[in-house]
Amino acid sequence: ANRMVESFAHRRPIWWYLPLLPLMLFPWFLWTGLWRATLP
């Protein structure tokens, strides 16, 4: 309970993960052919 309560204090912005995704998913994130296949 304590950790759940404390975890919603919004100390980091909601979008924090988004700019890290290219690094976390490298090299796949930069593979243009992958997105051309995935989006359709």
All heavy atoms as atom14 arrays in JSON, in Angstrom:
{
  "sequence": "ANRMVESFAHRRPIWWYLPLLPLMLFPWFLWTGLWRATLP",
  "atom14_mask": [
    [1, 1, 1, 1, 1, 0, 0, 0, 0, 0, 0, 0, 0, 0],
    [1, 1, 1, 1, 1, 1, 1, 1, 0, 0, 0, 0, 0, 0],
    [1, 1, 1, 1, 1, 1, 1, 1, 1, 1, 1, 0, 0, 0],
    [1, 1, 1, 1, 1, 1, 1, 1, 0, 0, 0, 0, 0, 0],
    [1, 1, 1, 1, 1, 1, 1, 0, 0, 0, 0, 0, 0, 0],
    [1, 1, 1, 1, 1, 1, 1, 1, 1, 0, 0, 0, 0, 0],
    [1, 1, 1, 1, 1, 1, 0, 0, 0, 0, 0, 0, 0, 0],
    [1, 1, 1, 1, 1, 1, 1, 1, 1, 1, 1, 0, 0, 0],
    [1, 1, 1, 1, 1, 0, 0, 0, 0, 0, 0, 0, 0, 0],
    [1, 1, 1, 1, 1, 1, 1, 1, 1, 1, 0, 0, 0, 0],
    [1, 1, 1, 1, 1, 1, 1, 1, 1, 1, 1, 0, 0, 0],
    [1, 1, 1, 1, 1, 1, 1, 1, 1, 1, 1, 0, 0, 0],
    [1, 1, 1, 1, 1, 1, 1, 0, 0, 0, 0, 0, 0, 0],
    [1, 1, 1, 1, 1, 1, 1, 1, 0, 0, 0, 0, 0, 0],
    [1, 1, 1, 1, 1, 1, 1, 1, 1, 1, 1, 1, 1, 1],
    [1, 1, 1, 1, 1, 1, 1, 1, 1, 1, 1, 1, 1, 1],
    [1, 1, 1, 1, 1, 1, 1, 1, 1, 1, 1, 1, 0, 0],
    [1, 1, 1, 1, 1, 1, 1, 1, 0, 0, 0, 0, 0, 0],
    [1, 1, 1, 1, 1, 1, 1, 0, 0, 0, 0, 0, 0, 0],
    [1, 1, 1, 1, 1, 1, 1, 1, 0, 0, 0, 0, 0, 0],
    [1, 1, 1, 1, 1, 1, 1, 1, 0, 0, 0, 0, 0, 0],
    [1, 1, 1, 1, 1, 1, 1, 0, 0, 0, 0, 0, 0, 0],
    [1, 1, 1, 1, 1, 1, 1, 1, 0, 0, 0, 0, 0, 0],
    [1, 1, 1, 1, 1, 1, 1, 1, 0, 0, 0, 0, 0, 0],
    [1, 1, 1, 1, 1, 1, 1, 1, 0, 0, 0, 0, 0, 0],
    [1, 1, 1, 1, 1, 1, 1, 1, 1, 1, 1, 0, 0, 0],
    [1, 1, 1, 1, 1, 1, 1, 0, 0, 0, 0, 0, 0, 0],
    [1, 1, 1, 1, 1, 1, 1, 1, 1, 1, 1, 1, 1, 1],
    [1, 1, 1, 1, 1, 1, 1, 1, 1, 1, 1, 0, 0, 0],
    [1, 1, 1, 1, 1, 1, 1, 1, 0, 0, 0, 0, 0, 0],
    [1, 1, 1, 1, 1, 1, 1, 1, 1, 1, 1, 1, 1, 1],
    [1, 1, 1, 1, 1, 1, 1, 0, 0, 0, 0, 0, 0, 0],
    [1, 1, 1, 1, 0, 0, 0, 0, 0, 0, 0, 0, 0, 0],
    [1, 1, 1, 1, 1, 1, 1, 1, 0, 0, 0, 0, 0, 0],
    [1, 1, 1, 1, 1, 1, 1, 1, 1, 1, 1, 1, 1, 1],
    [1, 1, 1, 1, 1, 1, 1, 1, 1, 1, 1, 0, 0, 0],
    [1, 1, 1, 1, 1, 0, 0, 0, 0, 0, 0, 0, 0, 0],
    [1, 1, 1, 1, 1, 1, 1, 0, 0, 0, 0, 0, 0, 0],
    [1, 1, 1, 1, 1, 1, 1, 1, 0, 0, 0, 0, 0, 0],
    [1, 1, 1, 1, 1, 1, 1, 0, 0, 0, 0, 0, 0, 0]
  ],
  "atom14_positions": [
    [[0.82, -1.22, 0.0], [0.0, 0.0, 0.0], [0.85, 1.26, 0.0], [0.59, 2.2, -0.76], [-0.93, -0.01, 1.21], [0.0, 0.0, 0.0], [0.0, 0.0, 0.0], [0.0, 0.0, 0.0], [0.0, 0.0, 0.0], [0.0, 0.0, 0.0], [0.0, 0.0, 0.0], [0.0, 0.0, 0.0], [0.0, 0.0, 0.0], [0.0, 0.0, 0.0]],
    [[1.87, 1.32, 0.87], [2.67, 2.54, 0.95], [3.32, 2.87, -0.39], [3.34, 4.02, -0.83], [3.75, 2.39, 2.03], [3.18, 2.65, 3.41], [2.04, 3.09, 3.54], [3.96, 2.37, 4.44], [0.0, 0.0, 0.0], [0.0, 0.0, 0.0], [0.0, 0.0, 0.0], [0.0, 0.0, 0.0], [0.0, 0.0, 0.0], [0.0, 0.0, 0.0]],
    [[3.89, 1.84, -1.05], [4.56, 2.1, -2.31], [3.59, 2.54, -3.39], [3.91, 3.37, -4.22], [5.33, 0.85, -2.76], [6.6, 0.64, -1.95], [7.61, -0.17, -2.71], [8.89, -0.15, -2.03], [10.02, -0.61, -2.54], [10.01, -1.12, -3.74], [11.14, -0.55, -1.88], [0.0, 0.0, 0.0], [0.0, 0.0, 0.0], [0.0, 0.0, 0.0]],
    [[2.39, 1.97, -3.37], [1.4, 2.38, -4.36], [0.98, 3.82, -4.14], [0.81, 4.6, -5.07], [0.19, 1.44, -4.3], [0.47, 0.04, -4.82], [1.06, 0.04, -6.53], [-0.4, 0.67, -7.37], [0.0, 0.0, 0.0], [0.0, 0.0, 0.0], [0.0, 0.0, 0.0], [0.0, 0.0, 0.0], [0.0, 0.0, 0.0], [0.0, 0.0, 0.0]],
    [[0.8, 4.2, -2.87], [0.41, 5.58, -2.58], [1.51, 6.54, -2.99], [1.29, 7.55, -3.67], [0.07, 5.73, -1.08], [-0.09, 7.2, -0.74], [-1.19, 4.95, -0.75], [0.0, 0.0, 0.0], [0.0, 0.0, 0.0], [0.0, 0.0, 0.0], [0.0, 0.0, 0.0], [0.0, 0.0, 0.0], [0.0, 0.0, 0.0], [0.0, 0.0, 0.0]],
    [[2.75, 6.23, -2.62], [3.85, 7.13, -2.91], [4.15, 7.19, -4.4], [4.66, 8.2, -4.9], [5.11, 6.67, -2.16], [4.98, 6.83, -0.64], [6.13, 6.17, 0.09], [7.03, 5.62, -0.6], [6.15, 6.2, 1.33], [0.0, 0.0, 0.0], [0.0, 0.0, 0.0], [0.0, 0.0, 0.0], [0.0, 0.0, 0.0], [0.0, 0.0, 0.0]],
    [[3.85, 6.12, -5.14], [4.22, 6.07, -6.54], [3.41, 7.02, -7.41], [3.77, 7.29, -8.54], [4.06, 4.65, -7.08], [2.7, 4.27, -7.07], [0.0, 0.0, 0.0], [0.0, 0.0, 0.0], [0.0, 0.0, 0.0], [0.0, 0.0, 0.0], [0.0, 0.0, 0.0], [0.0, 0.0, 0.0], [0.0, 0.0, 0.0], [0.0, 0.0, 0.0]],
    [[2.29, 7.54, -6.91], [1.47, 8.43, -7.71], [1.68, 9.9, -7.35], [0.79, 10.72, -7.49], [-0.01, 8.06, -7.56], [-0.37, 6.84, -8.34], [-0.32, 5.59, -7.76], [-0.75, 6.94, -9.67], [-0.65, 4.45, -8.48], [-1.09, 5.81, -10.4], [-1.03, 4.56, -9.81], [0.0, 0.0, 0.0], [0.0, 0.0, 0.0], [0.0, 0.0, 0.0]],
    [[2.87, 10.23, -6.87], [3.17, 11.61, -6.5], [3.59, 12.46, -7.7], [3.84, 13.64, -7.55], [4.27, 11.64, -5.45], [0.0, 0.0, 0.0], [0.0, 0.0, 0.0], [0.0, 0.0, 0.0], [0.0, 0.0, 0.0], [0.0, 0.0, 0.0], [0.0, 0.0, 0.0], [0.0, 0.0, 0.0], [0.0, 0.0, 0.0], [0.0, 0.0, 0.0]],
    [[3.68, 11.87, -8.9], [3.97, 12.58, -10.15], [5.26, 13.4, -10.06], [5.29, 14.57, -10.42], [2.81, 13.48, -10.55], [1.57, 12.69, -10.89], [1.46, 11.92, -12.01], [0.41, 12.54, -10.21], [0.28, 11.34, -12.05], [-0.38, 11.7, -10.96], [0.0, 0.0, 0.0], [0.0, 0.0, 0.0], [0.0, 0.0, 0.0], [0.0, 0.0, 0.0]],
    [[6.32, 12.73, -9.62], [7.6, 13.42, -9.57], [8.25, 13.51, -10.95], [9.13, 14.32, -11.17], [8.53, 12.72, -8.59], [8.14, 12.92, -7.13], [9.16, 12.31, -6.2], [9.26, 10.88, -6.36], [8.52, 9.99, -5.7], [7.61, 10.42, -4.84], [8.67, 8.71, -5.89], [0.0, 0.0, 0.0], [0.0, 0.0, 0.0], [0.0, 0.0, 0.0]],
    [[7.86, 12.63, -11.89], [8.37, 12.7, -13.26], [7.19, 12.83, -14.21], [6.12, 12.28, -13.96], [9.19, 11.44, -13.59], [10.6, 11.51, -13.03], [11.38, 10.25, -13.32], [12.78, 10.41, -12.97], [13.64, 9.41, -12.87], [13.22, 8.17, -13.07], [14.9, 9.63, -12.57], [0.0, 0.0, 0.0], [0.0, 0.0, 0.0], [0.0, 0.0, 0.0]],
    [[7.39, 13.51, -15.34], [6.25, 13.77, -16.23], [5.73, 12.49, -16.88], [6.45, 11.51, -17.03], [6.83, 14.73, -17.27], [8.31, 14.51, -17.22], [8.63, 14.16, -15.8], [0.0, 0.0, 0.0], [0.0, 0.0, 0.0], [0.0, 0.0, 0.0], [0.0, 0.0, 0.0], [0.0, 0.0, 0.0], [0.0, 0.0, 0.0], [0.0, 0.0, 0.0]],
    [[4.48, 12.54, -17.31], [3.83, 11.38, -17.87], [4.51, 10.9, -19.16], [4.49, 9.72, -19.49], [2.34, 11.7, -18.11], [1.57, 10.42, -18.46], [2.18, 12.76, -19.16], [0.07, 10.64, -18.57], [0.0, 0.0, 0.0], [0.0, 0.0, 0.0], [0.0, 0.0, 0.0], [0.0, 0.0, 0.0], [0.0, 0.0, 0.0], [0.0, 0.0, 0.0]],
    [[5.13, 11.82, -19.89], [5.74, 11.49, -21.18], [7.19, 11.02, -21.05], [7.88, 10.83, -22.05], [5.69, 12.71, -22.1], [6.15, 13.99, -21.43], [5.37, 14.96, -20.88], [7.51, 14.42, -21.22], [6.13, 15.97, -20.35], [7.47, 15.66, -20.54], [8.75, 13.89, -21.54], [8.61, 16.37, -20.19], [9.89, 14.58, -21.18], [9.82, 15.81, -20.51]],
    [[7.66, 10.8, -19.83], [9.1, 10.57, -19.59], [9.65, 9.4, -20.38], [10.8, 9.43, -20.83], [9.31, 10.36, -18.08], [10.73, 10.34, -17.66], [11.55, 11.4, -17.44], [11.52, 9.17, -17.37], [12.8, 10.98, -17.03], [12.8, 9.62, -16.98], [11.27, 7.8, -17.4], [13.83, 8.74, -16.63], [12.29, 6.93, -17.05], [13.55, 7.39, -16.67]],
    [[8.86, 8.34, -20.55], [9.36, 7.15, -21.24], [9.49, 7.37, -22.75], [10.32, 6.72, -23.42], [8.44, 5.96, -21.0], [8.63, 5.31, -19.65], [7.6, 5.3, -18.72], [9.83, 4.68, -19.31], [7.77, 4.7, -17.48], [10.0, 4.08, -18.08], [8.97, 4.09, -17.16], [9.14, 3.51, -15.94], [0.0, 0.0, 0.0], [0.0, 0.0, 0.0]],
    [[8.66, 8.23, -23.33], [8.59, 8.32, -24.78], [9.92, 8.68, -25.44], [10.33, 8.02, -26.41], [7.51, 9.33, -25.19], [6.08, 8.91, -24.82], [5.08, 9.98, -25.25], [5.73, 7.56, -25.45], [0.0, 0.0, 0.0], [0.0, 0.0, 0.0], [0.0, 0.0, 0.0], [0.0, 0.0, 0.0], [0.0, 0.0, 0.0], [0.0, 0.0, 0.0]],
    [[10.66, 9.7, -24.98], [11.93, 9.99, -25.64], [13.0, 8.93, -25.41], [14.01, 8.91, -26.12], [12.35, 11.33, -25.02], [11.62, 11.41, -23.73], [10.34, 10.7, -23.95], [0.0, 0.0, 0.0], [0.0, 0.0, 0.0], [0.0, 0.0, 0.0], [0.0, 0.0, 0.0], [0.0, 0.0, 0.0], [0.0, 0.0, 0.0], [0.0, 0.0, 0.0]],
    [[12.78, 8.04, -24.43], [13.76, 6.98, -24.18], [13.53, 5.75, -25.03], [14.42, 4.9, -25.16], [13.71, 6.57, -22.7], [14.13, 7.63, -21.68], [14.0, 7.07, -20.27], [15.57, 8.08, -21.93], [0.0, 0.0, 0.0], [0.0, 0.0, 0.0], [0.0, 0.0, 0.0], [0.0, 0.0, 0.0], [0.0, 0.0, 0.0], [0.0, 0.0, 0.0]],
    [[12.34, 5.61, -25.62], [12.02, 4.41, -26.39], [12.99, 4.16, -27.54], [13.39, 3.0, -27.77], [10.59, 4.48, -26.9], [9.5, 4.27, -25.83], [8.12, 4.45, -26.44], [9.62, 2.89, -25.2], [0.0, 0.0, 0.0], [0.0, 0.0, 0.0], [0.0, 0.0, 0.0], [0.0, 0.0, 0.0], [0.0, 0.0, 0.0], [0.0, 0.0, 0.0]],
    [[13.41, 5.18, -28.31], [14.38, 4.89, -29.38], [15.67, 4.27, -28.86], [16.23, 3.39, -29.53], [14.64, 6.27, -29.99], [13.4, 7.05, -29.7], [12.95, 6.58, -28.35], [0.0, 0.0, 0.0], [0.0, 0.0, 0.0], [0.0, 0.0, 0.0], [0.0, 0.0, 0.0], [0.0, 0.0, 0.0], [0.0, 0.0, 0.0], [0.0, 0.0, 0.0]],
    [[16.13, 4.69, -27.71], [17.35, 4.12, -27.13], [17.09, 2.72, -26.59], [17.88, 1.79, -26.83], [17.89, 5.02, -26.03], [19.13, 4.51, -25.28], [20.29, 4.34, -26.25], [19.5, 5.46, -24.14], [0.0, 0.0, 0.0], [0.0, 0.0, 0.0], [0.0, 0.0, 0.0], [0.0, 0.0, 0.0], [0.0, 0.0, 0.0], [0.0, 0.0, 0.0]],
    [[15.99, 2.56, -25.87], [15.69, 1.26, -25.28], [15.47, 0.19, -26.33], [15.81, -0.98, -26.13], [14.46, 1.37, -24.36], [14.68, 2.21, -23.12], [13.33, 2.08, -21.91], [12.04, 3.0, -22.74], [0.0, 0.0, 0.0], [0.0, 0.0, 0.0], [0.0, 0.0, 0.0], [0.0, 0.0, 0.0], [0.0, 0.0, 0.0], [0.0, 0.0, 0.0]],
    [[14.9, 0.58, -27.47], [14.57, -0.38, -28.52], [15.54, -0.32, -29.69], [15.25, -0.85, -30.76], [13.15, -0.12, -29.02], [12.05, -0.34, -27.98], [10.69, 0.07, -28.55], [12.0, -1.81, -27.54], [0.0, 0.0, 0.0], [0.0, 0.0, 0.0], [0.0, 0.0, 0.0], [0.0, 0.0, 0.0], [0.0, 0.0, 0.0], [0.0, 0.0, 0.0]],
    [[16.69, 0.31, -29.5], [17.69, 0.32, -30.56], [18.2, -1.11, -30.77], [18.42, -1.84, -29.8], [18.85, 1.25, -30.18], [19.9, 1.35, -31.25], [19.76, 2.28, -32.26], [21.0, 0.5, -31.27], [20.72, 2.38, -33.27], [21.95, 0.58, -32.27], [21.8, 1.52, -33.27], [0.0, 0.0, 0.0], [0.0, 0.0, 0.0], [0.0, 0.0, 0.0]],
    [[18.44, -1.53, -32.04], [18.35, -0.79, -33.3], [16.99, -0.87, -33.98], [16.78, -0.27, -35.03], [19.39, -1.5, -34.17], [19.3, -2.92, -33.73], [19.04, -2.87, -32.24], [0.0, 0.0, 0.0], [0.0, 0.0, 0.0], [0.0, 0.0, 0.0], [0.0, 0.0, 0.0], [0.0, 0.0, 0.0], [0.0, 0.0, 0.0], [0.0, 0.0, 0.0]],
    [[16.05, -1.62, -33.39], [14.78, -1.87, -34.06], [13.97, -0.6, -34.27], [13.26, -0.48, -35.28], [13.96, -2.88, -33.25], [14.75, -4.07, -32.81], [15.0, -4.48, -31.54], [15.42, -5.01, -33.67], [15.77, -5.6, -31.53], [16.06, -5.95, -32.82], [15.56, -5.15, -35.04], [16.8, -7.01, -33.32], [16.31, -6.2, -35.54], [16.92, -7.12, -34.69]],
    [[14.08, 0.34, -33.35], [13.29, 1.57, -33.46], [13.65, 2.34, -34.72], [12.81, 3.04, -35.29], [13.49, 2.43, -32.22], [12.43, 3.48, -32.03], [11.31, 3.22, -31.26], [12.54, 4.73, -32.64], [10.32, 4.18, -31.1], [11.56, 5.69, -32.48], [10.44, 5.41, -31.71], [0.0, 0.0, 0.0], [0.0, 0.0, 0.0], [0.0, 0.0, 0.0]],
    [[14.91, 2.25, -35.16], [15.36, 3.0, -36.33], [15.26, 2.19, -37.62], [15.67, 2.67, -38.68], [16.82, 3.45, -36.14], [17.08, 4.42, -34.99], [18.53, 4.83, -34.96], [16.18, 5.64, -35.09], [0.0, 0.0, 0.0], [0.0, 0.0, 0.0], [0.0, 0.0, 0.0], [0.0, 0.0, 0.0], [0.0, 0.0, 0.0], [0.0, 0.0, 0.0]],
    [[14.72, 1.01, -37.56], [14.55, 0.17, -38.75], [13.27, 0.6, -39.47], [12.17, 0.25, -39.06], [14.5, -1.29, -38.34], [14.37, -2.26, -39.47], [14.51, -2.01, -40.79], [14.06, -3.65, -39.34], [14.31, -3.16, -41.51], [14.04, -4.19, -40.65], [13.82, -4.5, -38.25], [13.76, -5.52, -40.9], [13.55, -5.83, -38.5], [13.53, -6.33, -39.8]],
    [[13.43, 1.38, -40.52], [12.27, 1.94, -41.21], [11.37, 0.85, -41.79], [10.14, 0.97, -41.81], [12.72, 2.91, -42.31], [13.64, 2.23, -43.18], [13.4, 4.12, -41.71], [0.0, 0.0, 0.0], [0.0, 0.0, 0.0], [0.0, 0.0, 0.0], [0.0, 0.0, 0.0], [0.0, 0.0, 0.0], [0.0, 0.0, 0.0], [0.0, 0.0, 0.0]],
    [[11.98, -0.23, -42.29], [11.19, -1.31, -42.85], [10.29, -1.98, -41.83], [9.2, -2.47, -42.16], [0.0, 0.0, 0.0], [0.0, 0.0, 0.0], [0.0, 0.0, 0.0], [0.0, 0.0, 0.0], [0.0, 0.0, 0.0], [0.0, 0.0, 0.0], [0.0, 0.0, 0.0], [0.0, 0.0, 0.0], [0.0, 0.0, 0.0], [0.0, 0.0, 0.0]],
    [[10.73, -1.99, -40.57], [9.92, -2.59, -39.52], [8.62, -1.81, -39.33], [7.54, -2.4, -39.2], [10.72, -2.63, -38.21], [9.98, -3.17, -37.0], [9.62, -4.63, -37.19], [10.81, -2.98, -35.73], [0.0, 0.0, 0.0], [0.0, 0.0, 0.0], [0.0, 0.0, 0.0], [0.0, 0.0, 0.0], [0.0, 0.0, 0.0], [0.0, 0.0, 0.0]],
    [[8.72, -0.48, -39.31], [7.52, 0.32, -39.12], [6.61, 0.27, -40.34], [5.38, 0.33, -40.21], [7.91, 1.76, -38.78], [8.66, 1.82, -37.49], [9.98, 2.16, -37.32], [8.16, 1.48, -36.19], [10.33, 2.05, -36.0], [9.24, 1.64, -35.28], [6.94, 1.04, -35.71], [9.11, 1.4, -33.92], [6.8, 0.79, -34.36], [7.88, 0.97, -33.47]],
    [[7.2, 0.16, -41.54], [6.37, 0.03, -42.74], [5.6, -1.28, -42.74], [4.51, -1.37, -43.33], [7.25, 0.13, -43.99], [7.69, 1.55, -44.31], [8.21, 1.66, -45.73], [9.42, 0.86, -45.92], [10.64, 1.33, -45.78], [10.84, 2.6, -45.45], [11.68, 0.55, -45.99], [0.0, 0.0, 0.0], [0.0, 0.0, 0.0], [0.0, 0.0, 0.0]],
    [[6.13, -2.29, -42.06], [5.4, -3.55, -41.94], [4.43, -3.54, -40.77], [3.34, -4.11, -40.86], [6.4, -4.7, -41.77], [0.0, 0.0, 0.0], [0.0, 0.0, 0.0], [0.0, 0.0, 0.0], [0.0, 0.0, 0.0], [0.0, 0.0, 0.0], [0.0, 0.0, 0.0], [0.0, 0.0, 0.0], [0.0, 0.0, 0.0], [0.0, 0.0, 0.0]],
    [[4.8, -2.88, -39.68], [4.0, -2.96, -38.45], [2.75, -2.1, -38.52], [1.67, -2.52, -38.08], [4.87, -2.55, -37.23], [6.0, -3.41, -37.15], [4.07, -2.64, -35.95], [0.0, 0.0, 0.0], [0.0, 0.0, 0.0], [0.0, 0.0, 0.0], [0.0, 0.0, 0.0], [0.0, 0.0, 0.0], [0.0, 0.0, 0.0], [0.0, 0.0, 0.0]],
    [[2.84, -0.9, -39.04], [1.69, 0.01, -39.02], [0.5, -0.54, -39.81], [-0.64, -0.5, -39.32], [2.11, 1.39, -39.53], [3.1, 2.14, -38.6], [3.51, 3.47, -39.23], [2.5, 2.36, -37.23], [0.0, 0.0, 0.0], [0.0, 0.0, 0.0], [0.0, 0.0, 0.0], [0.0, 0.0, 0.0], [0.0, 0.0, 0.0], [0.0, 0.0, 0.0]],
    [[0.7, -1.07, -41.03], [-0.46, -1.67, -41.72], [-1.03, -2.87, -40.98], [-2.26, -3.08, -40.98], [0.12, -2.09, -43.08], [1.31, -1.23, -43.27], [1.87, -1.02, -41.9], [0.0, 0.0, 0.0], [0.0, 0.0, 0.0], [0.0, 0.0, 0.0], [0.0, 0.0, 0.0], [0.0, 0.0, 0.0], [0.0, 0.0, 0.0], [0.0, 0.0, 0.0]]
  ]
}
